C-alpha atoms as a PDB file:
ATOM      1  CA  MET A   1      -7.652  36.706 -18.501  1.00  0.00           C
ATOM      2  CA  ASN A   2      -7.711  38.084 -15.046  1.00  0.00           C
ATOM      3  CA  PRO A   3      -6.570  35.566 -12.628  1.00  0.00           C
ATOM      4  CA  PHE A   4      -8.975  36.998  -9.996  1.00  0.00           C
ATOM      5  CA  SER A   5     -12.017  36.680 -12.496  1.00  0.00           C
ATOM      6  CA  LYS A   6     -15.244  35.131 -10.788  1.00  0.00           C
ATOM      7  CA  ASN A   7     -15.380  32.273 -13.258  1.00  0.00           C
ATOM      8  CA  ARG A   8     -11.811  31.039 -12.159  1.00  0.00           C
ATOM      9  CA  TRP A   9     -12.361  31.257  -8.292  1.00  0.00           C
ATOM     10  CA  ASN A  10     -15.916  29.504  -8.833  1.00  0.00           C
ATOM     11  CA  GLY A  11     -13.967  26.452 -10.453  1.00  0.00           C
ATOM     12  CA  ARG A  12     -11.475  26.311  -7.580  1.00  0.00           C
ATOM     13  CA  TRP A  13     -14.625  26.379  -5.014  1.00  0.00           C
ATOM     14  CA  HIS A  14     -16.474  23.677  -6.965  1.00  0.00           C
ATOM     15  CA  GLY A  15     -13.333  21.442  -6.930  1.00  0.00           C
ATOM     16  CA  ALA A  16     -12.661  22.033  -3.248  1.00  0.00           C
ATOM     17  CA  LEU A  17     -16.136  21.186  -2.474  1.00  0.00           C
ATOM     18  CA  LEU A  18     -15.702  17.869  -4.457  1.00  0.00           C
ATOM     19  CA  ILE A  19     -12.541  17.016  -2.632  1.00  0.00           C
ATOM     20  CA  LEU A  20     -13.683  17.920   0.943  1.00  0.00           C
ATOM     21  CA  PRO A  21     -16.285  14.880   1.243  1.00  0.00           C
ATOM     22  CA  CYS A  22     -13.597  12.405   0.010  1.00  0.00           C
ATOM     23  CA  LEU A  23     -11.052  13.911   2.442  1.00  0.00           C
ATOM     24  CA  ILE A  24     -13.528  13.433   5.365  1.00  0.00           C
ATOM     25  CA  PHE A  25     -14.456   9.958   4.362  1.00  0.00           C
ATOM     26  CA  PHE A  26     -10.801   8.973   4.190  1.00  0.00           C
ATOM     27  CA  LEU A  27     -10.108  10.538   7.520  1.00  0.00           C
ATOM     28  CA  ALA A  28     -12.925   8.775   9.114  1.00  0.00           C
ATOM     29  CA  TYR A  29     -12.390   5.454   7.563  1.00  0.00           C
ATOM     30  CA  LEU A  30      -8.772   5.177   8.126  1.00  0.00           C
ATOM     31  CA  PRO A  31      -8.682   4.712  12.005  1.00  0.00           C
ATOM     32  CA  THR A  32     -11.518   2.140  11.618  1.00  0.00           C
ATOM     33  CA  THR A  33      -9.868  -0.065   9.209  1.00  0.00           C
ATOM     34  CA  ALA A  34      -7.019  -0.383  11.596  1.00  0.00           C
ATOM     35  CA  ALA A  35      -9.202  -1.347  14.280  1.00  0.00           C
ATOM     36  CA  GLN A  36     -11.090  -3.812  12.474  1.00  0.00           C
ATOM     37  CA  GLN A  37      -8.345  -6.112  11.740  1.00  0.00           C
ATOM     38  CA  SER A  38      -9.362  -9.446  12.193  1.00  0.00           C
ATOM     39  CA  ALA A  39      -8.513 -11.421  15.142  1.00  0.00           C
ATOM     40  CA  ALA A  40      -6.722 -14.187  13.120  1.00  0.00           C
ATOM     41  CA  ASP A  41      -4.640 -11.415  11.626  1.00  0.00           C
ATOM     42  CA  ASN A  42      -3.850  -9.835  15.016  1.00  0.00           C
ATOM     43  CA  TYR A  43      -3.034 -13.500  16.425  1.00  0.00           C
ATOM     44  CA  GLY A  44      -0.765 -13.891  13.516  1.00  0.00           C
ATOM     45  CA  HIS A  45       1.211 -10.816  13.965  1.00  0.00           C
ATOM     46  CA  LYS A  46       1.507 -10.886  17.850  1.00  0.00           C
ATOM     47  CA  CYS A  47       0.788 -14.373  19.357  1.00  0.00           C
ATOM     48  CA  ALA A  48       1.805 -16.727  16.831  1.00  0.00           C
ATOM     49  CA  VAL A  49       5.581 -16.142  17.391  1.00  0.00           C
ATOM     50  CA  CYS A  50       5.339 -17.893  20.811  1.00  0.00           C
ATOM     51  CA  HIS A  51       2.002 -19.806  20.696  1.00  0.00           C
ATOM     52  CA  GLY A  52       2.260 -21.105  17.050  1.00  0.00           C
ATOM     53  CA  GLN A  53      -0.237 -20.608  14.369  1.00  0.00           C
ATOM     54  CA  ASP A  54      -2.154 -23.655  15.754  1.00  0.00           C
ATOM     55  CA  GLY A  55      -1.904 -22.604  19.476  1.00  0.00           C
ATOM     56  CA  LEU A  56       0.376 -25.518  20.352  1.00  0.00           C
ATOM     57  CA  GLY A  57       3.374 -23.470  21.323  1.00  0.00           C
ATOM     58  CA  ASN A  58       5.715 -25.533  19.127  1.00  0.00           C
ATOM     59  CA  THR A  59       7.907 -22.435  18.060  1.00  0.00           C
ATOM     60  CA  ALA A  60      11.586 -21.522  18.878  1.00  0.00           C
ATOM     61  CA  LYS A  61      10.292 -18.716  21.222  1.00  0.00           C
ATOM     62  CA  GLY A  62       7.454 -20.839  22.563  1.00  0.00           C
ATOM     63  CA  LYS A  63       9.639 -23.532  23.649  1.00  0.00           C
ATOM     64  CA  LYS A  64      12.258 -21.152  25.411  1.00  0.00           C
ATOM     65  CA  VAL A  65       9.592 -19.556  27.494  1.00  0.00           C
ATOM     66  CA  HIS A  66       7.692 -22.784  27.981  1.00  0.00           C
ATOM     67  CA  VAL A  67       4.372 -21.804  26.499  1.00  0.00           C
ATOM     68  CA  LYS A  68       1.476 -24.242  27.279  1.00  0.00           C
ATOM     69  CA  ASP A  69      -0.444 -25.457  24.277  1.00  0.00           C
ATOM     70  CA  VAL A  70      -3.883 -24.023  24.029  1.00  0.00           C
ATOM     71  CA  HIS A  71      -5.585 -27.517  25.254  1.00  0.00           C
ATOM     72  CA  ALA A  72      -3.797 -27.035  28.538  1.00  0.00           C
ATOM     73  CA  ASN A  73      -4.970 -23.341  28.594  1.00  0.00           C
ATOM     74  CA  MET A  74      -8.472 -24.036  27.973  1.00  0.00           C
ATOM     75  CA  LYS A  75      -8.924 -24.646  31.797  1.00  0.00           C
ATOM     76  CA  ASP A  76      -8.364 -21.118  32.444  1.00  0.00           C
ATOM     77  CA  SER A  77     -11.529 -18.817  31.933  1.00  0.00           C
ATOM     78  CA  GLU A  78     -12.166 -16.566  29.319  1.00  0.00           C
ATOM     79  CA  ALA A  79     -11.888 -13.603  31.853  1.00  0.00           C
ATOM     80  CA  ASP A  80      -8.665 -15.054  33.084  1.00  0.00           C
ATOM     81  CA  MET A  81      -7.092 -15.057  29.525  1.00  0.00           C
ATOM     82  CA  ILE A  82      -8.514 -11.596  28.894  1.00  0.00           C
ATOM     83  CA  LYS A  83      -6.596 -10.328  31.946  1.00  0.00           C
ATOM     84  CA  ILE A  84      -3.533 -12.047  30.861  1.00  0.00           C
ATOM     85  CA  VAL A  85      -3.721 -10.637  27.201  1.00  0.00           C
ATOM     86  CA  THR A  86      -4.400  -7.068  28.769  1.00  0.00           C
ATOM     87  CA  ASP A  87      -1.894  -6.992  31.545  1.00  0.00           C
ATOM     88  CA  GLY A  88       0.698  -9.463  30.322  1.00  0.00           C
ATOM     89  CA  LYS A  89       2.176 -12.202  32.393  1.00  0.00           C
ATOM     90  CA  GLY A  90       5.577 -11.925  33.876  1.00  0.00           C
ATOM     91  CA  ASP A  91       8.680 -11.268  31.739  1.00  0.00           C
ATOM     92  CA  ASP A  92       7.600 -13.514  28.985  1.00  0.00           C
ATOM     93  CA  MET A  93       4.228 -11.946  27.808  1.00  0.00           C
ATOM     94  CA  ASP A  94       3.888  -8.512  26.941  1.00  0.00           C
ATOM     95  CA  SER A  95       0.886  -6.532  27.799  1.00  0.00           C
ATOM     96  CA  TYR A  96      -1.491  -5.561  24.845  1.00  0.00           C
ATOM     97  CA  LYS A  97      -3.789  -3.210  26.491  1.00  0.00           C
ATOM     98  CA  THR A  98      -2.188  -0.194  24.318  1.00  0.00           C
ATOM     99  CA  GLU A  99      -2.266  -2.049  21.070  1.00  0.00           C
ATOM    100  CA  PHE A 100      -5.669  -3.438  21.095  1.00  0.00           C
ATOM    101  CA  THR A 101      -9.078  -2.337  22.276  1.00  0.00           C
ATOM    102  CA  ASP A 102     -10.998  -4.224  24.736  1.00  0.00           C
ATOM    103  CA  SER A 103     -13.072  -5.771  21.850  1.00  0.00           C
ATOM    104  CA  GLN A 104     -10.029  -6.831  20.186  1.00  0.00           C
ATOM    105  CA  ILE A 105      -8.450  -8.483  23.013  1.00  0.00           C
ATOM    106  CA  LYS A 106     -11.822 -10.442  23.578  1.00  0.00           C
ATOM    107  CA  ASP A 107     -11.579 -11.372  20.004  1.00  0.00           C
ATOM    108  CA  LEU A 108      -8.151 -12.666  20.052  1.00  0.00           C
ATOM    109  CA  VAL A 109      -8.985 -14.731  23.274  1.00  0.00           C
ATOM    110  CA  ASP A 110     -11.979 -16.238  21.509  1.00  0.00           C
ATOM    111  CA  TYR A 111      -9.825 -16.887  18.356  1.00  0.00           C
ATOM    112  CA  TYR A 112      -7.063 -18.644  20.627  1.00  0.00           C
ATOM    113  CA  ARG A 113      -9.634 -20.557  22.306  1.00  0.00           C
ATOM    114  CA  SER A 114     -11.318 -21.779  19.143  1.00  0.00           C
ATOM    115  CA  LEU A 115      -7.816 -23.245  18.299  1.00  0.00           C
ATOM    116  CA  GLY A 116      -8.312 -25.650  21.356  1.00  0.00           C
ATOM    117  CA  GLN A 117     -11.724 -26.817  19.924  1.00  0.00           C
ATOM    118  CA  LYS A 118     -10.167 -28.176  16.665  1.00  0.00           C
END
């Protein structure tokens, strides 16, 4: 059989056309999956090491840097908290503006504030 016959190339194009939509879906889906991590997951990965899973700051690192518990921080406005998460606070808290979107930061603050209502 001739390797350049019409039937052989027709089958390859058909296969490529089937794979193309899957590839487009995968490339479009991949960044949105990371962006849609839940606030609880983001808090657990980035914040809980100092603030604790419960927001009370009773962790080794939290005690070292004198983290206030969530109830004491509730006097701060949501906007103030968003600014702190975005820009960081002194040497003890990093800025997260390059790691999270504005929406994710707001969700993180909302999640943290919800810990103070429990």
